[in-house]
C-alpha atoms as a PDB file:
ATOM      1  CA  MET A   1       0.000   0.000   0.000  1.00  0.00           C
ATOM      2  CA  PRO A   2       1.554   3.289  -1.085  1.00  0.00           C
ATOM      3  CA  GLU A   3       2.174   5.934   1.518  1.00  0.00           C
ATOM      4  CA  LYS A   4       0.134   9.101   1.293  1.00  0.00           C
ATOM      5  CA  SER A   5       1.747  12.481   1.334  1.00  0.00           C
ATOM      6  CA  ALA A   6       0.911  15.113   3.930  1.00  0.00           C
ATOM      7  CA  SER A   7      -0.978  17.189   1.372  1.00  0.00           C
ATOM      8  CA  THR A   8      -3.089  14.192   0.349  1.00  0.00           C
ATOM      9  CA  LEU A   9      -3.934  13.431   3.971  1.00  0.00           C
ATOM     10  CA  ALA A  10      -4.860  17.063   4.635  1.00  0.00           C
ATOM     11  CA  SER A  11      -7.231  17.173   1.676  1.00  0.00           C
ATOM     12  CA  GLU A  12      -9.158  14.018   2.690  1.00  0.00           C
ATOM     13  CA  PRO A  13     -12.161  14.440   4.973  1.00  0.00           C
ATOM     14  CA  PRO A  14     -11.625  13.003   8.451  1.00  0.00           C
ATOM     15  CA  ALA A  15     -13.051   9.556   9.004  1.00  0.00           C
ATOM     16  CA  THR A  16     -16.133   9.556  11.219  1.00  0.00           C
ATOM     17  CA  PRO A  17     -16.166   6.951  13.956  1.00  0.00           C
ATOM     18  CA  VAL A  18     -18.879   4.328  13.821  1.00  0.00           C
ATOM     19  CA  ILE A  19     -20.858   4.113  17.055  1.00  0.00           C
ATOM     20  CA  ARG A  20     -23.074   1.093  17.379  1.00  0.00           C
ATOM     21  CA  ASN A  21     -26.035   0.903  19.745  1.00  0.00           C
ATOM     22  CA  PRO A  22     -25.756  -1.831  22.351  1.00  0.00           C
ATOM     23  CA  LYS A  23     -28.166  -4.723  21.954  1.00  0.00           C
ATOM     24  CA  ARG A  24     -29.352  -4.351  25.543  1.00  0.00           C
ATOM     25  CA  PRO A  25     -28.984  -1.660  28.160  1.00  0.00           C
ATOM     26  CA  ALA A  26     -25.638  -1.712  29.901  1.00  0.00           C
ATOM     27  CA  GLY A  27     -25.139  -1.314  33.623  1.00  0.00           C
ATOM     28  CA  THR A  28     -28.419  -2.731  34.842  1.00  0.00           C
ATOM     29  CA  LEU A  29     -29.228  -6.024  36.474  1.00  0.00           C
ATOM     30  CA  TYR A  30     -32.895  -6.052  35.496  1.00  0.00           C
ATOM     31  CA  ARG A  31     -33.076  -5.182  31.784  1.00  0.00           C
ATOM     32  CA  GLY A  32     -36.815  -4.444  31.778  1.00  0.00           C
ATOM     33  CA  ARG A  33     -38.105  -7.724  33.165  1.00  0.00           C
ATOM     34  CA  GLU A  34     -39.323  -8.912  36.576  1.00  0.00           C
ATOM     35  CA  GLY A  35     -36.661  -7.012  38.481  1.00  0.00           C
ATOM     36  CA  MET A  36     -37.651  -3.735  36.865  1.00  0.00           C
ATOM     37  CA  TRP A  37     -41.331  -4.324  37.622  1.00  0.00           C
ATOM     38  CA  GLY A  38     -40.442  -5.210  41.202  1.00  0.00           C
ATOM     39  CA  TRP A  39     -38.525  -1.925  41.420  1.00  0.00           C
ATOM     40  CA  VAL A  40     -41.406   0.085  39.931  1.00  0.00           C
ATOM     41  CA  LEU A  41     -44.046  -1.561  42.144  1.00  0.00           C
ATOM     42  CA  HIS A  42     -41.891  -1.031  45.230  1.00  0.00           C
ATOM     43  CA  ARG A  43     -41.688   2.711  44.492  1.00  0.00           C
ATOM     44  CA  ILE A  44     -45.419   3.015  43.731  1.00  0.00           C
ATOM     45  CA  THR A  45     -46.509   1.128  46.850  1.00  0.00           C
ATOM     46  CA  GLY A  46     -44.019   3.022  49.014  1.00  0.00           C
ATOM     47  CA  THR A  47     -45.330   6.364  47.754  1.00  0.00           C
ATOM     48  CA  ALA A  48     -48.954   5.306  48.261  1.00  0.00           C
ATOM     49  CA  ILE A  49     -48.215   4.160  51.823  1.00  0.00           C
ATOM     50  CA  TYR A  50     -46.433   7.448  52.530  1.00  0.00           C
ATOM     51  CA  PHE A  51     -49.449   9.492  51.427  1.00  0.00           C
ATOM     52  CA  PHE A  52     -51.804   7.259  53.420  1.00  0.00           C
ATOM     53  CA  LEU A  53     -49.701   7.841  56.530  1.00  0.00           C
ATOM     54  CA  LEU A  54     -49.697  11.588  55.894  1.00  0.00           C
ATOM     55  CA  VAL A  55     -53.509  11.678  55.626  1.00  0.00           C
ATOM     56  CA  HIS A  56     -53.834   9.380  58.639  1.00  0.00           C
ATOM     57  CA  ILE A  57     -51.702  11.677  60.806  1.00  0.00           C
ATOM     58  CA  LEU A  58     -53.650  14.727  59.654  1.00  0.00           C
ATOM     59  CA  ASP A  59     -57.085  13.218  60.269  1.00  0.00           C
ATOM     60  CA  THR A  60     -56.056  11.840  63.655  1.00  0.00           C
ATOM     61  CA  SER A  61     -54.735  15.237  64.692  1.00  0.00           C
ATOM     62  CA  LEU A  62     -58.213  16.673  64.112  1.00  0.00           C
ATOM     63  CA  VAL A  63     -59.346  15.157  67.410  1.00  0.00           C
ATOM     64  CA  ARG A  64     -57.282  17.803  69.238  1.00  0.00           C
ATOM     65  CA  LEU A  65     -58.611  20.672  67.140  1.00  0.00           C
ATOM     66  CA  SER A  66     -62.265  19.778  66.797  1.00  0.00           C
ATOM     67  CA  PRO A  67     -63.844  16.495  67.898  1.00  0.00           C
ATOM     68  CA  GLU A  68     -66.853  17.253  65.663  1.00  0.00           C
ATOM     69  CA  ALA A  69     -64.619  17.619  62.597  1.00  0.00           C
ATOM     70  CA  TYR A  70     -62.813  14.412  63.551  1.00  0.00           C
ATOM     71  CA  ASN A  71     -66.115  12.521  63.807  1.00  0.00           C
ATOM     72  CA  ALA A  72     -67.234  13.916  60.440  1.00  0.00           C
ATOM     73  CA  VAL A  73     -64.038  12.743  58.761  1.00  0.00           C
ATOM     74  CA  ILE A  74     -64.188   9.311  60.390  1.00  0.00           C
ATOM     75  CA  ASN A  75     -67.793   8.906  59.226  1.00  0.00           C
ATOM     76  CA  THR A  76     -66.694   9.486  55.617  1.00  0.00           C
ATOM     77  CA  TYR A  77     -64.340   6.535  56.024  1.00  0.00           C
ATOM     78  CA  LYS A  78     -67.284   4.201  56.623  1.00  0.00           C
ATOM     79  CA  THR A  79     -68.353   4.205  52.961  1.00  0.00           C
ATOM     80  CA  PRO A  80     -67.944   1.273  50.551  1.00  0.00           C
ATOM     81  CA  ILE A  81     -65.461   3.261  48.452  1.00  0.00           C
ATOM     82  CA  MET A  82     -63.193   3.705  51.467  1.00  0.00           C
ATOM     83  CA  GLY A  83     -63.625   0.005  52.261  1.00  0.00           C
ATOM     84  CA  LEU A  84     -62.289  -0.787  48.803  1.00  0.00           C
ATOM     85  CA  GLY A  85     -59.514   1.722  49.487  1.00  0.00           C
ATOM     86  CA  GLU A  86     -58.624  -0.320  52.568  1.00  0.00           C
ATOM     87  CA  ILE A  87     -58.217  -3.357  50.321  1.00  0.00           C
ATOM     88  CA  ALA A  88     -55.856  -1.337  48.120  1.00  0.00           C
ATOM     89  CA  LEU A  89     -53.956  -0.190  51.218  1.00  0.00           C
ATOM     90  CA  VAL A  90     -53.522  -3.721  52.553  1.00  0.00           C
ATOM     91  CA  ALA A  91     -52.484  -4.891  49.075  1.00  0.00           C
ATOM     92  CA  ALA A  92     -49.893  -2.106  48.847  1.00  0.00           C
ATOM     93  CA  ILE A  93     -48.501  -2.790  52.325  1.00  0.00           C
ATOM     94  CA  GLY A  94     -48.316  -6.542  51.683  1.00  0.00           C
ATOM     95  CA  LEU A  95     -46.572  -6.199  48.328  1.00  0.00           C
ATOM     96  CA  HIS A  96     -44.199  -3.546  49.656  1.00  0.00           C
ATOM     97  CA  ALA A  97     -43.248  -5.701  52.659  1.00  0.00           C
ATOM     98  CA  LEU A  98     -42.711  -8.918  50.702  1.00  0.00           C
ATOM     99  CA  ASN A  99     -40.805  -7.165  47.932  1.00  0.00           C
ATOM    100  CA  GLY A 100     -38.713  -5.418  50.583  1.00  0.00           C
ATOM    101  CA  LEU A 101     -37.634  -8.822  51.889  1.00  0.00           C
ATOM    102  CA  ARG A 102     -36.762  -9.811  48.315  1.00  0.00           C
ATOM    103  CA  ILE A 103     -34.654  -6.665  47.947  1.00  0.00           C
ATOM    104  CA  ILE A 104     -32.824  -7.423  51.196  1.00  0.00           C
ATOM    105  CA  LEU A 105     -31.951 -10.896  49.871  1.00  0.00           C
ATOM    106  CA  ILE A 106     -30.739  -9.404  46.585  1.00  0.00           C
ATOM    107  CA  ASP A 107     -28.616  -6.782  48.345  1.00  0.00           C
ATOM    108  CA  PHE A 108     -27.010  -9.016  50.945  1.00  0.00           C
ATOM    109  CA  SER A 109     -26.438 -12.344  49.233  1.00  0.00           C
ATOM    110  CA  SER A 110     -25.020 -13.522  45.952  1.00  0.00           C
ATOM    111  CA  TRP A 111     -27.727 -16.192  45.916  1.00  0.00           C
ATOM    112  CA  GLY A 112     -30.392 -13.466  45.877  1.00  0.00           C
ATOM    113  CA  THR A 113     -28.849 -11.723  42.901  1.00  0.00           C
ATOM    114  CA  LYS A 114     -28.749 -14.942  40.902  1.00  0.00           C
ATOM    115  CA  HIS A 115     -32.358 -15.854  41.749  1.00  0.00           C
ATOM    116  CA  GLN A 116     -34.034 -12.448  41.795  1.00  0.00           C
ATOM    117  CA  ARG A 117     -36.462 -13.418  38.995  1.00  0.00           C
ATOM    118  CA  LEU A 118     -37.648 -16.530  40.853  1.00  0.00           C
ATOM    119  CA  MET A 119     -37.984 -14.531  44.061  1.00  0.00           C
ATOM    120  CA  PHE A 120     -40.175 -11.974  42.259  1.00  0.00           C
ATOM    121  CA  TRP A 121     -42.670 -14.678  41.333  1.00  0.00           C
ATOM    122  CA  ILE A 122     -42.520 -16.146  44.842  1.00  0.00           C
ATOM    123  CA  VAL A 123     -43.342 -12.667  46.213  1.00  0.00           C
ATOM    124  CA  VAL A 124     -46.280 -12.347  43.803  1.00  0.00           C
ATOM    125  CA  GLY A 125     -47.550 -15.800  44.775  1.00  0.00           C
ATOM    126  CA  LEU A 126     -47.313 -15.166  48.517  1.00  0.00           C
ATOM    127  CA  TRP A 127     -48.938 -11.752  48.055  1.00  0.00           C
ATOM    128  CA  LEU A 128     -51.886 -13.298  46.189  1.00  0.00           C
ATOM    129  CA  VAL A 129     -52.298 -15.982  48.869  1.00  0.00           C
ATOM    130  CA  LEU A 130     -52.322 -13.323  51.604  1.00  0.00           C
ATOM    131  CA  LEU A 131     -54.842 -11.234  49.688  1.00  0.00           C
ATOM    132  CA  ALA A 132     -57.019 -14.302  49.125  1.00  0.00           C
ATOM    133  CA  GLY A 133     -57.347 -14.572  52.883  1.00  0.00           C
ATOM    134  CA  PHE A 134     -58.129 -10.879  53.394  1.00  0.00           C
ATOM    135  CA  VAL A 135     -60.207  -9.684  50.441  1.00  0.00           C
ATOM    136  CA  PRO A 136     -63.277 -11.960  50.815  1.00  0.00           C
ATOM    137  CA  ARG A 137     -63.630 -11.110  54.493  1.00  0.00           C
ATOM    138  CA  GLN A 138     -63.211  -7.398  53.799  1.00  0.00           C
ATOM    139  CA  LEU A 139     -65.762  -7.515  50.973  1.00  0.00           C
ATOM    140  CA  MET A 140     -68.253  -9.206  53.314  1.00  0.00           C
ATOM    141  CA  HIS A 141     -67.596  -6.459  55.840  1.00  0.00           C
ATOM    142  CA  ILE A 142     -68.029  -3.686  53.267  1.00  0.00           C
ATOM    143  CA  PHE A 143     -71.185  -4.999  51.681  1.00  0.00           C
ATOM    144  CA  GLY A 144     -72.908  -6.302  54.799  1.00  0.00           C
ATOM    145  CA  GLY A 145     -72.196 -10.016  54.639  1.00  0.00           C
ATOM    146  CA  ALA A 146     -70.426 -10.076  58.030  1.00  0.00           C
ATOM    147  CA  ALA A 147     -70.884  -8.435  61.366  1.00  0.00           C
END
């Protein structure tokens, strides 16, 4: 291959580097599967529980300001819609707690990192079993089937 002179090299346009997109995201353990959904659900349930606790503290503090206002607020909680909200609250707390245990196992053991996908489905299964024990009883309570 003949050598190029300095003037020939100066007249040629510079070569542009070829940058290829990676086939999958780099630097993440989850890659958009069960681990990512566990992460998203953990954040959503945590935020929902936080706002519930904020409202709970505010409505409980009403008893010091005005017992009548407190009683009015508590009476609004005795509606079927709020009963269904209690189901959502228990579901959020249960999922957040079980997924939190999964996260602890992932963070503190190499076994957890290797089996995080299996643990996600175990968490979902346990969560559904726990809800199966709570939801029918709560629905009977809401809609008058139980005392």
